Amino acid sequence: MPIQIKKCRHDKLIQNIIDMKLLQTLLLILLGTMVAVSCSDNASSDSEHGTMRILLTDAPGNYDAVYIDIQAVRIHRSSSAEDGESGWIEIDTEPMIVDLLELTNGKFEVLGETDLEPGRYSQLRLILGDRNEVVIDGESHNLSTPSAQQSGLKLQINADIEGGEMYTLVLDFDASRSIVKAGNSGRYNLKPVIRTVRLEQSGAIEGAIVPAGIEPWVYAIAGEDTLAGTRASANGEFLMIGLLSGTYQVSVVPTNDENSMTVISNVEVNAPNTTHVGTITLE
């Protein structure tokens, strides 16, 4: 009997050890599964695509119309990539002819958007066709843009794309600085001046001009740089978008008296908010 009792106790001890080892094994398997799932989730999050959307807006010019023939938009991770190299990505867009002067006062044209792998994209090419025109006093003039028609207008953007997020890139096309008369030839060249900014990280300035109906030019100036401009609408309202946080001078210039200027100093913009400057009365 004593031997049998010892054997029974021995058997129970062995069984307890086996049960503990089994429990440890199950715990290790469960822990390994949790780690694997966690790593899988992280990998999935890291590889999730972001979206880039391209908008076109304009700082106004003193013309009847400025038509730009946009054929394609391409981006690349490298700032030095040349036309024909691998790695270029086409933004999903349809060819279009845009009148830049219709894209003032906060208006914009959506050129297209596409999903991208996370990372930094450093270069954008705006490919133009050959139907670019400026209309002056009712007369149309062809705009010569040889480089843009072949390899595209090269812009540095440094856009950091994150998984699951929208990156809205605004192309602020300055029509007044972009059109250059070629001497006395009667011809005009298009030498685009384009400012780029991420919409989600920018603010705006809005207000109203009285008396209404005079449609003056309105500019946002930081230091020596004019960073945005528009033309007040017929009812006197104006809106300038795509401004980074900072202090600006708002200058209002009547179209019928460009030597006259009304200035509002120390206008603070805190992106992504819109700063209201109220009503500006012109003498």
Protein backbone atom coordinates (compact mmCIF):
# COMPACT_ATOMS: atom_id res chain seq x y z
CA MET A 1 0.00 0.00 0.00
CA PRO A 2 2.66 2.61 0.87
CA ILE A 3 4.35 1.94 -2.45
CA GLN A 4 1.07 2.41 -4.25
CA ILE A 5 0.48 5.69 -2.43
CA LYS A 6 3.93 6.99 -3.43
CA LYS A 7 3.34 5.94 -7.03
CA CYS A 8 0.03 7.77 -7.08
CA ARG A 9 1.64 10.91 -5.74
CA HIS A 10 4.44 10.52 -8.29
CA ASP A 11 1.94 10.16 -11.12
CA LYS A 12 0.11 13.32 -10.00
CA LEU A 13 3.37 15.25 -9.83
CA ILE A 14 4.27 14.18 -13.36
CA GLN A 15 0.80 15.12 -14.57
CA ASN A 16 1.08 18.54 -12.95
CA ILE A 17 4.41 19.13 -14.64
CA ILE A 18 2.95 18.06 -17.99
CA ASP A 19 -0.03 20.38 -17.48
CA MET A 20 2.27 23.31 -16.62
CA LYS A 21 4.43 22.70 -19.68
CA LEU A 22 1.32 22.48 -21.85
CA LEU A 23 0.04 25.75 -20.40
CA GLN A 24 3.40 27.42 -21.01
CA THR A 25 3.42 26.15 -24.58
CA LEU A 26 -0.09 27.48 -25.19
CA LEU A 27 0.86 30.84 -23.71
CA LEU A 28 3.94 31.04 -25.95
CA ILE A 29 1.84 30.17 -29.00
CA LEU A 30 -0.73 32.83 -28.05
CA LEU A 31 1.96 35.44 -27.46
CA GLY A 32 3.61 34.62 -30.79
CA THR A 33 0.28 34.94 -32.56
CA MET A 34 -0.37 38.34 -30.97
CA VAL A 35 3.08 39.61 -31.98
CA ALA A 36 2.60 38.33 -35.53
CA VAL A 37 -0.80 40.02 -35.81
CA SER A 38 0.63 43.24 -34.38
CA CYS A 39 3.52 43.20 -36.86
CA SER A 40 1.10 42.43 -39.67
CA ASP A 41 -1.10 45.36 -38.64
CA ASN A 42 1.89 47.68 -38.49
CA ALA A 43 3.11 46.53 -41.88
CA SER A 44 -0.37 47.04 -43.29
CA SER A 45 -0.50 50.54 -41.78
CA ASP A 46 2.97 51.39 -43.09
CA SER A 47 2.12 50.22 -46.59
CA GLU A 48 -1.29 51.94 -46.74
CA HIS A 49 -1.42 54.43 -49.58
CA GLY A 50 -2.01 58.15 -49.23
CA THR A 51 -3.70 60.38 -51.81
CA MET A 52 -2.32 63.42 -53.60
CA ARG A 53 -4.75 65.92 -55.11
CA ILE A 54 -3.56 68.76 -57.39
CA LEU A 55 -5.41 72.10 -57.48
CA LEU A 56 -4.74 75.05 -59.80
CA THR A 57 -5.48 78.65 -58.78
CA ASP A 58 -4.25 82.03 -60.03
CA ALA A 59 -2.86 85.36 -58.97
CA PRO A 60 -4.60 87.70 -61.45
CA GLY A 61 -3.20 89.46 -64.48
CA ASN A 62 -4.42 92.53 -66.35
CA TYR A 63 -5.61 90.61 -69.41
CA ASP A 64 -8.96 89.62 -70.87
CA ALA A 65 -8.12 85.91 -70.55
CA VAL A 66 -5.15 83.57 -70.18
CA TYR A 67 -5.74 80.09 -71.57
CA ILE A 68 -3.41 77.28 -70.46
CA ASP A 69 -3.46 73.91 -72.23
CA ILE A 70 -2.78 71.26 -69.56
CA GLN A 71 -2.09 67.80 -70.94
CA ALA A 72 -0.65 65.88 -67.99
CA VAL A 73 0.76 66.10 -64.47
CA ARG A 74 3.63 63.87 -63.33
CA ILE A 75 5.51 63.52 -60.06
CA HIS A 76 8.77 61.86 -59.01
CA ARG A 77 10.53 61.08 -55.74
CA SER A 78 13.78 62.57 -56.99
CA SER A 79 14.22 66.33 -57.39
CA SER A 80 16.82 65.76 -60.11
CA ALA A 81 15.01 63.12 -62.20
CA GLU A 82 15.03 63.95 -65.90
CA ASP A 83 12.34 63.36 -68.50
CA GLY A 84 12.44 59.76 -69.69
CA GLU A 85 13.89 58.32 -66.48
CA SER A 86 12.00 55.59 -64.63
CA GLY A 87 9.95 56.37 -61.53
CA TRP A 88 7.61 59.01 -62.93
CA ILE A 89 3.99 58.69 -61.76
CA GLU A 90 1.08 60.14 -63.71
CA ILE A 91 -1.59 61.98 -61.74
CA ASP A 92 -5.03 60.83 -62.89
CA THR A 93 -6.24 63.83 -64.88
CA GLU A 94 -7.97 64.68 -68.14
CA PRO A 95 -6.42 67.13 -70.63
CA MET A 96 -8.07 70.53 -70.26
CA ILE A 97 -7.78 74.16 -71.29
CA VAL A 98 -8.15 76.47 -68.30
CA ASP A 99 -8.69 80.23 -68.24
CA LEU A 100 -6.46 81.26 -65.33
CA LEU A 101 -8.36 84.50 -64.84
CA GLU A 102 -11.43 82.49 -63.84
CA LEU A 103 -9.45 81.00 -60.94
CA THR A 104 -9.19 84.01 -58.64
CA ASN A 105 -10.88 84.92 -55.36
CA GLY A 106 -10.48 81.46 -53.86
CA LYS A 107 -11.65 79.58 -56.97
CA PHE A 108 -9.61 76.63 -58.22
CA GLU A 109 -9.56 73.84 -60.79
CA VAL A 110 -8.98 70.24 -59.69
CA LEU A 111 -6.34 68.89 -62.08
CA GLY A 112 -6.55 65.36 -60.70
CA GLU A 113 -5.53 63.01 -57.91
CA THR A 114 -3.93 59.61 -57.40
CA ASP A 115 -2.99 57.17 -54.64
CA LEU A 116 0.70 57.02 -53.72
CA GLU A 117 2.95 54.93 -51.54
CA PRO A 118 4.05 56.78 -48.37
CA GLY A 119 7.24 58.81 -48.67
CA ARG A 120 8.58 62.10 -50.01
CA TYR A 121 7.90 63.20 -53.59
CA SER A 122 10.20 66.03 -54.62
CA GLN A 123 9.40 66.99 -58.21
CA LEU A 124 6.31 67.80 -60.26
CA ARG A 125 6.13 68.26 -64.01
CA LEU A 126 3.22 70.17 -65.56
CA ILE A 127 2.98 69.11 -69.22
CA LEU A 128 1.44 71.75 -71.49
CA GLY A 129 0.05 71.46 -74.99
CA ASP A 130 0.41 74.04 -77.77
CA ARG A 131 -2.95 75.80 -77.37
CA ASN A 132 -1.85 78.44 -74.85
CA GLU A 133 -3.16 81.97 -75.48
CA VAL A 134 -3.43 85.39 -73.91
CA VAL A 135 -6.27 87.72 -74.89
CA ILE A 136 -5.45 91.45 -74.77
CA ASP A 137 -8.04 94.08 -75.73
CA GLY A 138 -10.06 91.38 -77.46
CA GLU A 139 -7.15 90.08 -79.55
CA SER A 140 -5.74 86.57 -79.02
CA HIS A 141 -1.98 85.96 -79.01
CA ASN A 142 -0.30 82.56 -79.00
CA LEU A 143 1.98 81.90 -76.03
CA SER A 144 5.26 80.19 -76.83
CA THR A 145 6.16 77.46 -74.30
CA PRO A 146 8.72 75.13 -75.94
CA SER A 147 10.20 73.59 -72.79
CA ALA A 148 6.82 72.97 -71.17
CA GLN A 149 5.50 71.18 -74.24
CA GLN A 150 8.40 68.72 -74.29
CA SER A 151 9.55 67.89 -70.76
CA GLY A 152 7.08 69.94 -68.72
CA LEU A 153 7.31 72.78 -66.24
CA LYS A 154 9.58 71.60 -63.44
CA LEU A 155 8.45 72.40 -59.88
CA GLN A 156 10.07 71.44 -56.56
CA ILE A 157 7.35 70.29 -54.14
CA ASN A 158 8.85 68.15 -51.31
CA ALA A 159 5.49 66.53 -50.55
CA ASP A 160 5.51 64.04 -47.66
CA ILE A 161 2.75 61.47 -48.30
CA GLU A 162 1.43 59.54 -45.30
CA GLY A 163 -0.71 56.42 -45.39
CA GLY A 164 -4.44 57.04 -45.22
CA GLU A 165 -4.13 60.84 -45.56
CA MET A 166 -4.97 63.39 -48.24
CA TYR A 167 -2.22 65.74 -49.47
CA THR A 168 -3.73 68.65 -51.42
CA LEU A 169 -1.11 70.52 -53.42
CA VAL A 170 -2.08 74.00 -54.63
CA LEU A 171 -0.36 75.37 -57.75
CA ASP A 172 -0.70 79.16 -57.58
CA PHE A 173 -0.08 80.28 -61.18
CA ASP A 174 0.85 83.98 -61.30
CA ALA A 175 -0.52 85.12 -64.66
CA SER A 176 0.77 88.70 -64.35
CA ARG A 177 4.40 87.56 -63.94
CA SER A 178 4.21 84.60 -66.30
CA ILE A 179 3.50 86.38 -69.60
CA VAL A 180 6.43 88.20 -71.20
CA LYS A 181 6.23 90.27 -74.37
CA ALA A 182 9.03 89.40 -76.83
CA GLY A 183 10.35 92.88 -77.61
CA ASN A 184 8.56 94.64 -80.46
CA SER A 185 7.77 91.41 -82.29
CA GLY A 186 4.19 91.33 -81.12
CA ARG A 187 4.76 87.82 -79.76
CA TYR A 188 4.30 86.69 -76.17
CA ASN A 189 6.17 84.01 -74.24
CA LEU A 190 4.88 81.98 -71.33
CA LYS A 191 7.49 81.77 -68.55
CA PRO A 192 5.41 80.40 -65.71
CA VAL A 193 5.84 81.66 -62.17
CA ILE A 194 4.10 79.10 -59.96
CA ARG A 195 4.05 78.93 -56.16
CA THR A 196 3.27 75.59 -54.49
CA VAL A 197 1.79 75.04 -51.03
CA ARG A 198 -0.03 72.27 -49.19
CA LEU A 199 -3.64 73.36 -48.68
CA GLU A 200 -4.05 71.49 -45.37
CA GLN A 201 -1.17 73.50 -43.87
CA SER A 202 -2.20 76.91 -45.20
CA GLY A 203 -4.65 79.61 -44.21
CA ALA A 204 -6.46 82.43 -45.99
CA ILE A 205 -7.31 86.13 -45.82
CA GLU A 206 -10.75 87.46 -46.68
CA GLY A 207 -12.56 90.77 -46.52
CA ALA A 208 -14.60 93.29 -48.47
CA ILE A 209 -13.90 96.50 -50.36
CA VAL A 210 -16.15 99.56 -50.47
CA PRO A 211 -17.33 101.11 -52.61
CA ALA A 212 -18.34 97.90 -54.38
CA GLY A 213 -18.08 97.54 -58.13
CA ILE A 214 -14.58 98.94 -58.67
CA GLU A 215 -12.98 95.45 -58.50
CA PRO A 216 -9.49 96.45 -57.29
CA TRP A 217 -6.41 94.21 -57.07
CA VAL A 218 -5.71 92.79 -53.61
CA TYR A 219 -2.30 91.38 -52.59
CA ALA A 220 -0.87 89.57 -49.56
CA ILE A 221 2.75 90.62 -49.05
CA ALA A 222 5.32 89.16 -46.62
CA GLY A 223 8.50 91.22 -46.46
CA GLU A 224 9.46 91.93 -50.06
CA ASP A 225 7.52 88.99 -51.53
CA THR A 226 4.00 89.12 -52.93
CA LEU A 227 2.76 85.65 -51.98
CA ALA A 228 -0.85 85.81 -53.11
CA GLY A 229 -3.14 88.06 -55.05
CA THR A 230 -6.69 88.31 -56.32
CA ARG A 231 -9.21 90.76 -57.69
CA ALA A 232 -12.21 91.74 -55.62
CA SER A 233 -15.55 90.63 -57.01
CA ALA A 234 -18.25 93.00 -58.24
CA ASN A 235 -19.80 93.04 -54.75
CA GLY A 236 -16.43 93.95 -53.22
CA GLU A 237 -15.58 90.64 -51.57
CA PHE A 238 -12.14 88.99 -51.84
CA LEU A 239 -10.45 85.80 -50.67
CA MET A 240 -6.77 84.80 -50.90
CA ILE A 241 -5.95 81.13 -50.18
CA GLY A 242 -2.77 79.09 -49.75
CA LEU A 243 -1.03 81.33 -47.19
CA LEU A 244 1.35 79.88 -44.62
CA SER A 245 1.19 81.05 -41.00
CA GLY A 246 2.82 84.46 -40.60
CA THR A 247 2.35 88.21 -40.72
CA TYR A 248 1.21 89.86 -43.95
CA GLN A 249 0.54 93.27 -45.41
CA VAL A 250 -2.70 93.46 -47.39
CA SER A 251 -2.45 95.98 -50.22
CA VAL A 252 -5.45 97.17 -52.24
CA VAL A 253 -4.77 98.80 -55.62
CA PRO A 254 -7.62 100.27 -57.70
CA THR A 255 -7.48 99.10 -61.32
CA ASN A 256 -8.15 102.63 -62.59
CA ASP A 257 -5.42 104.21 -60.44
CA GLU A 258 -2.43 101.94 -59.93
CA ASN A 259 -0.51 104.73 -58.20
CA SER A 260 -3.03 104.72 -55.38
CA MET A 261 -2.75 102.06 -52.67
CA THR A 262 -4.49 101.28 -49.39
CA VAL A 263 -2.45 99.17 -46.96
CA ILE A 264 -3.54 97.07 -43.98
CA SER A 265 -0.48 96.11 -41.93
CA ASN A 266 0.21 93.28 -39.46
CA VAL A 267 -2.43 90.85 -40.67
CA GLU A 268 -1.82 87.56 -38.84
CA VAL A 269 -2.57 84.22 -40.53
CA ASN A 270 -2.70 81.09 -38.40
CA ALA A 271 -3.12 78.08 -40.70
CA PRO A 272 -5.47 76.43 -41.40
CA ASN A 273 -7.77 79.25 -40.29
CA THR A 274 -9.11 82.15 -42.36
CA THR A 275 -8.27 85.65 -41.15
CA HIS A 276 -11.05 88.22 -41.61
CA VAL A 277 -9.85 91.78 -42.18
CA GLY A 278 -13.37 93.22 -42.30
CA THR A 279 -14.36 96.02 -44.65
CA ILE A 280 -11.69 98.18 -46.27
CA THR A 281 -12.90 101.62 -47.37
CA LEU A 282 -11.11 103.22 -50.31
CA GLU A 283 -10.91 106.99 -50.51
